[in-house]
């Protein structure tokens, strides 16, 4: 509720949900990947990363259905940081993306680097 109602507290709430690893909040966090302010996009990606493996399926679905390049770049970053092998295929698919930032982020995923 407060994530949609008041952006002034959204930053703290996104951080808190990530720290609590609140799987129930994934559906509330995902829309922030499409926020017009990249700061909130990054905070959402951090929260999803902190939640971890429970957010992988939702992040993959986001990548398959979104046209938002900034949101996709941050979703790819979160997946790479989580390092779940089930995300490998979608990351590999985006290595050839026409957007150089999406391509680079897919080619250099955090925990997949070893």
N, C-alpha and C. Protein backbone atom coordinates (compact mmCIF):
# COMPACT_ATOMS: atom_id res chain seq x y z
N UNK A 1 0.82 -1.19 0.00
CA UNK A 1 0.00 0.00 0.00
C UNK A 1 0.87 1.25 0.00
N UNK A 2 1.81 1.35 0.93
CA UNK A 2 2.63 2.55 1.03
C UNK A 2 3.60 2.70 -0.13
N UNK A 3 3.96 1.59 -0.77
CA UNK A 3 4.85 1.69 -1.93
C UNK A 3 4.18 2.50 -3.04
N UNK A 4 2.89 2.33 -3.22
CA UNK A 4 2.17 3.03 -4.28
C UNK A 4 1.70 4.41 -3.83
N UNK A 5 1.46 4.57 -2.56
CA UNK A 5 0.84 5.78 -2.04
C UNK A 5 1.83 6.92 -1.82
N UNK A 6 3.02 6.62 -1.35
CA UNK A 6 3.93 7.67 -0.93
C UNK A 6 5.37 7.33 -1.29
N UNK A 7 5.89 7.95 -2.36
CA UNK A 7 7.24 7.66 -2.80
C UNK A 7 8.30 8.09 -1.78
N UNK A 8 7.96 9.02 -0.92
CA UNK A 8 8.95 9.48 0.05
C UNK A 8 9.35 8.37 1.02
N UNK A 9 8.50 7.40 1.21
CA UNK A 9 8.85 6.27 2.08
C UNK A 9 9.17 5.01 1.28
N UNK A 10 8.95 5.05 -0.02
CA UNK A 10 9.18 3.86 -0.86
C UNK A 10 10.62 3.39 -0.78
N UNK A 11 11.56 4.31 -0.74
CA UNK A 11 12.97 3.95 -0.67
C UNK A 11 13.25 3.08 0.56
N UNK A 12 12.79 3.52 1.70
CA UNK A 12 13.01 2.79 2.94
C UNK A 12 12.25 1.47 2.94
N UNK A 13 11.04 1.49 2.42
CA UNK A 13 10.24 0.26 2.38
C UNK A 13 10.86 -0.77 1.45
N UNK A 14 11.32 -0.33 0.27
CA UNK A 14 11.98 -1.27 -0.65
C UNK A 14 13.20 -1.89 0.02
N UNK A 15 14.00 -1.07 0.68
CA UNK A 15 15.18 -1.59 1.38
C UNK A 15 14.76 -2.59 2.46
N UNK A 16 13.76 -2.23 3.23
CA UNK A 16 13.31 -3.09 4.32
C UNK A 16 12.77 -4.43 3.85
N UNK A 17 12.00 -4.40 2.77
CA UNK A 17 11.44 -5.65 2.24
C UNK A 17 12.56 -6.57 1.76
N UNK A 18 13.57 -5.97 1.15
CA UNK A 18 14.71 -6.78 0.73
C UNK A 18 15.45 -7.36 1.92
N UNK A 19 15.67 -6.57 2.95
CA UNK A 19 16.37 -7.04 4.14
C UNK A 19 15.59 -8.13 4.87
N UNK A 20 14.26 -8.02 4.83
CA UNK A 20 13.42 -9.03 5.48
C UNK A 20 13.27 -10.28 4.62
N UNK A 21 13.73 -10.17 3.37
CA UNK A 21 13.60 -11.27 2.39
C UNK A 21 12.14 -11.68 2.27
N UNK A 22 11.29 -10.68 2.13
CA UNK A 22 9.85 -10.86 2.10
C UNK A 22 9.37 -11.34 0.73
N UNK A 23 9.23 -12.64 0.59
CA UNK A 23 8.80 -13.23 -0.68
C UNK A 23 7.40 -12.75 -1.07
N UNK A 24 6.56 -12.49 -0.10
CA UNK A 24 5.19 -12.05 -0.38
C UNK A 24 5.17 -10.68 -1.04
N UNK A 25 6.23 -9.92 -0.91
CA UNK A 25 6.25 -8.55 -1.44
C UNK A 25 6.81 -8.45 -2.86
N UNK A 26 7.22 -9.55 -3.45
CA UNK A 26 7.80 -9.51 -4.80
C UNK A 26 6.86 -8.83 -5.78
N UNK A 27 5.58 -9.16 -5.73
CA UNK A 27 4.62 -8.56 -6.67
C UNK A 27 4.44 -7.06 -6.44
N UNK A 28 4.73 -6.58 -5.24
CA UNK A 28 4.67 -5.15 -4.96
C UNK A 28 5.94 -4.43 -5.39
N UNK A 29 7.05 -5.13 -5.39
CA UNK A 29 8.33 -4.53 -5.75
C UNK A 29 8.52 -4.46 -7.26
N UNK A 30 8.10 -5.50 -7.99
CA UNK A 30 8.34 -5.57 -9.44
C UNK A 30 7.91 -4.34 -10.22
N UNK A 31 6.76 -3.72 -9.94
CA UNK A 31 6.38 -2.53 -10.73
C UNK A 31 7.40 -1.38 -10.65
N UNK A 32 8.21 -1.38 -9.61
CA UNK A 32 9.21 -0.33 -9.49
C UNK A 32 10.33 -0.49 -10.51
N UNK A 33 10.43 -1.64 -11.17
CA UNK A 33 11.40 -1.79 -12.26
C UNK A 33 11.00 -0.92 -13.45
N UNK A 34 9.76 -0.46 -13.49
CA UNK A 34 9.28 0.42 -14.56
C UNK A 34 9.12 1.87 -14.09
N UNK A 35 9.64 2.18 -12.94
CA UNK A 35 9.51 3.54 -12.40
C UNK A 35 10.29 4.52 -13.29
N UNK A 36 9.77 5.74 -13.50
CA UNK A 36 10.48 6.70 -14.35
C UNK A 36 11.78 7.23 -13.74
N UNK A 37 11.96 7.08 -12.43
CA UNK A 37 13.18 7.52 -11.77
C UNK A 37 14.08 6.29 -11.56
N UNK A 38 15.23 6.28 -12.21
CA UNK A 38 16.11 5.10 -12.16
C UNK A 38 16.57 4.78 -10.73
N UNK A 39 16.56 5.74 -9.86
CA UNK A 39 16.92 5.48 -8.47
C UNK A 39 16.01 4.40 -7.87
N UNK A 40 14.70 4.53 -8.10
CA UNK A 40 13.74 3.55 -7.57
C UNK A 40 13.86 2.22 -8.31
N UNK A 41 14.21 2.26 -9.58
CA UNK A 41 14.43 1.02 -10.34
C UNK A 41 15.57 0.24 -9.69
N UNK A 42 16.65 0.93 -9.39
CA UNK A 42 17.80 0.27 -8.77
C UNK A 42 17.46 -0.24 -7.37
N UNK A 43 16.74 0.55 -6.60
CA UNK A 43 16.35 0.12 -5.25
C UNK A 43 15.48 -1.14 -5.31
N UNK A 44 14.58 -1.21 -6.31
CA UNK A 44 13.75 -2.40 -6.49
C UNK A 44 14.61 -3.61 -6.85
N UNK A 45 15.57 -3.40 -7.75
CA UNK A 45 16.46 -4.50 -8.14
C UNK A 45 17.28 -4.98 -6.94
N UNK A 46 17.73 -4.06 -6.11
CA UNK A 46 18.47 -4.45 -4.90
C UNK A 46 17.59 -5.27 -3.96
N UNK A 47 16.35 -4.85 -3.80
CA UNK A 47 15.43 -5.58 -2.92
C UNK A 47 15.19 -6.99 -3.45
N UNK A 48 14.98 -7.11 -4.76
CA UNK A 48 14.75 -8.43 -5.35
C UNK A 48 16.00 -9.30 -5.24
N UNK A 49 17.16 -8.70 -5.41
CA UNK A 49 18.42 -9.43 -5.20
C UNK A 49 18.51 -9.94 -3.77
N UNK A 50 18.17 -9.08 -2.82
CA UNK A 50 18.26 -9.46 -1.42
C UNK A 50 17.26 -10.56 -1.07
N UNK A 51 16.10 -10.54 -1.69
CA UNK A 51 15.12 -11.62 -1.47
C UNK A 51 15.68 -12.93 -2.00
N UNK A 52 16.40 -12.85 -3.11
CA UNK A 52 17.13 -14.02 -3.60
C UNK A 52 16.35 -14.91 -4.54
N UNK A 53 16.58 -16.21 -4.39
CA UNK A 53 16.05 -17.19 -5.33
C UNK A 53 14.54 -17.13 -5.50
N UNK A 54 13.83 -16.71 -4.51
CA UNK A 54 12.37 -16.62 -4.61
C UNK A 54 11.94 -15.60 -5.66
N UNK A 55 12.80 -14.65 -5.99
CA UNK A 55 12.44 -13.62 -6.97
C UNK A 55 12.89 -13.96 -8.39
N UNK A 56 13.63 -15.06 -8.57
CA UNK A 56 14.18 -15.40 -9.89
C UNK A 56 13.09 -15.58 -10.93
N UNK A 57 12.07 -16.35 -10.64
CA UNK A 57 11.01 -16.61 -11.62
C UNK A 57 10.32 -15.31 -12.04
N UNK A 58 10.06 -14.43 -11.11
CA UNK A 58 9.42 -13.15 -11.42
C UNK A 58 10.33 -12.27 -12.25
N UNK A 59 11.62 -12.25 -11.95
CA UNK A 59 12.57 -11.47 -12.74
C UNK A 59 12.67 -12.00 -14.17
N UNK A 60 12.69 -13.31 -14.32
CA UNK A 60 12.73 -13.91 -15.66
C UNK A 60 11.47 -13.53 -16.43
N UNK A 61 10.32 -13.62 -15.80
CA UNK A 61 9.07 -13.25 -16.46
C UNK A 61 9.10 -11.77 -16.86
N UNK A 62 9.63 -10.92 -15.99
CA UNK A 62 9.75 -9.50 -16.32
C UNK A 62 10.59 -9.32 -17.59
N UNK A 63 11.73 -10.00 -17.66
CA UNK A 63 12.60 -9.87 -18.82
C UNK A 63 11.93 -10.36 -20.10
N UNK A 64 11.12 -11.38 -19.99
CA UNK A 64 10.44 -11.92 -21.16
C UNK A 64 9.30 -11.03 -21.64
N UNK A 65 8.75 -10.21 -20.76
CA UNK A 65 7.55 -9.46 -21.12
C UNK A 65 7.74 -7.94 -21.19
N UNK A 66 8.85 -7.43 -20.72
CA UNK A 66 9.03 -5.98 -20.65
C UNK A 66 9.80 -5.43 -21.85
N UNK A 67 9.49 -4.20 -22.20
CA UNK A 67 10.24 -3.48 -23.22
C UNK A 67 11.04 -2.34 -22.61
N UNK A 68 11.02 -2.23 -21.30
CA UNK A 68 11.70 -1.15 -20.60
C UNK A 68 13.18 -1.49 -20.46
N UNK A 69 14.02 -0.79 -21.22
CA UNK A 69 15.45 -1.11 -21.24
C UNK A 69 16.13 -0.90 -19.89
N UNK A 70 15.77 0.16 -19.18
CA UNK A 70 16.39 0.41 -17.88
C UNK A 70 15.97 -0.64 -16.87
N UNK A 71 14.68 -0.97 -16.86
CA UNK A 71 14.20 -2.01 -15.97
C UNK A 71 14.82 -3.36 -16.28
N UNK A 72 14.96 -3.66 -17.57
CA UNK A 72 15.58 -4.93 -17.96
C UNK A 72 17.03 -5.00 -17.51
N UNK A 73 17.76 -3.91 -17.67
CA UNK A 73 19.17 -3.89 -17.26
C UNK A 73 19.30 -4.17 -15.77
N UNK A 74 18.42 -3.57 -14.99
CA UNK A 74 18.48 -3.77 -13.53
C UNK A 74 18.00 -5.17 -13.14
N UNK A 75 17.02 -5.71 -13.87
CA UNK A 75 16.56 -7.07 -13.60
C UNK A 75 17.67 -8.07 -13.91
N UNK A 76 18.40 -7.84 -15.00
CA UNK A 76 19.53 -8.71 -15.36
C UNK A 76 20.60 -8.63 -14.28
N UNK A 77 20.87 -7.42 -13.80
CA UNK A 77 21.85 -7.26 -12.73
C UNK A 77 21.44 -8.08 -11.50
N UNK A 78 20.16 -7.97 -11.12
CA UNK A 78 19.67 -8.70 -9.94
C UNK A 78 19.82 -10.20 -10.14
N UNK A 79 19.46 -10.70 -11.32
CA UNK A 79 19.60 -12.13 -11.59
C UNK A 79 21.06 -12.57 -11.51
N UNK A 80 21.94 -11.77 -12.08
CA UNK A 80 23.36 -12.10 -12.02
C UNK A 80 23.88 -12.12 -10.61
N UNK A 81 23.42 -11.20 -9.78
CA UNK A 81 23.84 -11.16 -8.38
C UNK A 81 23.30 -12.35 -7.60
N UNK A 82 22.08 -12.77 -7.92
CA UNK A 82 21.50 -13.94 -7.24
C UNK A 82 22.28 -15.20 -7.61
N UNK A 83 22.61 -15.31 -8.91
CA UNK A 83 23.44 -16.42 -9.35
C UNK A 83 22.73 -17.75 -9.49
N UNK A 84 21.42 -17.74 -9.61
CA UNK A 84 20.65 -18.98 -9.77
C UNK A 84 20.83 -19.50 -11.20
N UNK A 85 21.21 -20.74 -11.32
CA UNK A 85 21.49 -21.33 -12.63
C UNK A 85 20.27 -21.33 -13.56
N UNK A 86 19.07 -21.28 -13.01
CA UNK A 86 17.87 -21.27 -13.86
C UNK A 86 17.75 -19.97 -14.67
N UNK A 87 18.51 -18.95 -14.31
CA UNK A 87 18.49 -17.68 -15.04
C UNK A 87 19.51 -17.65 -16.17
N UNK A 88 20.36 -18.65 -16.26
CA UNK A 88 21.44 -18.64 -17.25
C UNK A 88 20.92 -18.46 -18.68
N UNK A 89 19.87 -19.19 -19.04
CA UNK A 89 19.35 -19.14 -20.41
C UNK A 89 18.86 -17.74 -20.78
N UNK A 90 18.12 -17.10 -19.90
CA UNK A 90 17.60 -15.76 -20.21
C UNK A 90 18.73 -14.74 -20.24
N UNK A 91 19.74 -14.90 -19.40
CA UNK A 91 20.89 -14.00 -19.44
C UNK A 91 21.65 -14.17 -20.76
N UNK A 92 21.84 -15.40 -21.17
CA UNK A 92 22.54 -15.67 -22.43
C UNK A 92 21.78 -15.07 -23.61
N UNK A 93 20.47 -15.17 -23.58
CA UNK A 93 19.63 -14.60 -24.64
C UNK A 93 19.86 -13.09 -24.77
N UNK A 94 20.05 -12.41 -23.65
CA UNK A 94 20.20 -10.96 -23.67
C UNK A 94 21.62 -10.49 -23.95
N UNK A 95 22.58 -11.42 -24.02
CA UNK A 95 23.95 -11.04 -24.39
C UNK A 95 23.96 -10.42 -25.78
N UNK A 96 23.05 -10.83 -26.63
CA UNK A 96 22.99 -10.34 -28.01
C UNK A 96 22.00 -9.20 -28.18
N UNK A 97 21.54 -8.61 -27.09
CA UNK A 97 20.57 -7.52 -27.17
C UNK A 97 21.18 -6.33 -27.89
N UNK A 98 20.34 -5.60 -28.63
CA UNK A 98 20.82 -4.43 -29.36
C UNK A 98 21.23 -3.29 -28.44
N UNK A 99 20.71 -3.27 -27.22
CA UNK A 99 21.11 -2.25 -26.25
C UNK A 99 22.43 -2.68 -25.62
N UNK A 100 23.47 -1.87 -25.79
CA UNK A 100 24.81 -2.27 -25.33
C UNK A 100 24.89 -2.45 -23.82
N UNK A 101 24.07 -1.72 -23.05
CA UNK A 101 24.11 -1.85 -21.60
C UNK A 101 23.46 -3.15 -21.14
N UNK A 102 22.38 -3.53 -21.80
CA UNK A 102 21.74 -4.82 -21.49
C UNK A 102 22.68 -5.95 -21.87
N UNK A 103 23.28 -5.84 -23.04
CA UNK A 103 24.22 -6.86 -23.51
C UNK A 103 25.40 -7.01 -22.55
N UNK A 104 25.97 -5.89 -22.14
CA UNK A 104 27.12 -5.93 -21.24
C UNK A 104 26.73 -6.52 -19.89
N UNK A 105 25.60 -6.09 -19.34
CA UNK A 105 25.17 -6.59 -18.03
C UNK A 105 24.92 -8.10 -18.09
N UNK A 106 24.39 -8.58 -19.22
CA UNK A 106 24.14 -10.02 -19.39
C UNK A 106 25.44 -10.81 -19.51
N UNK A 107 26.45 -10.19 -20.13
CA UNK A 107 27.72 -10.87 -20.34
C UNK A 107 28.58 -10.88 -19.09
N UNK A 108 28.30 -10.00 -18.13
CA UNK A 108 29.10 -9.88 -16.91
C UNK A 108 28.26 -10.05 -15.65
N UNK A 109 27.45 -11.10 -15.58
CA UNK A 109 26.58 -11.24 -14.40
C UNK A 109 27.39 -11.55 -13.14
N UNK A 110 27.07 -10.84 -12.08
CA UNK A 110 27.74 -10.92 -10.78
C UNK A 110 28.22 -12.29 -10.35
N UNK A 111 27.37 -13.08 -9.74
CA UNK A 111 27.78 -14.34 -9.14
C UNK A 111 28.05 -15.44 -10.14
N UNK A 112 27.73 -15.20 -11.43
CA UNK A 112 28.06 -16.21 -12.44
C UNK A 112 29.52 -16.11 -12.89
N UNK A 113 30.21 -15.04 -12.48
CA UNK A 113 31.60 -14.85 -12.89
C UNK A 113 32.55 -15.79 -12.19
N UNK A 114 32.10 -16.33 -11.10
CA UNK A 114 32.92 -17.33 -10.43
C UNK A 114 33.85 -16.86 -9.45
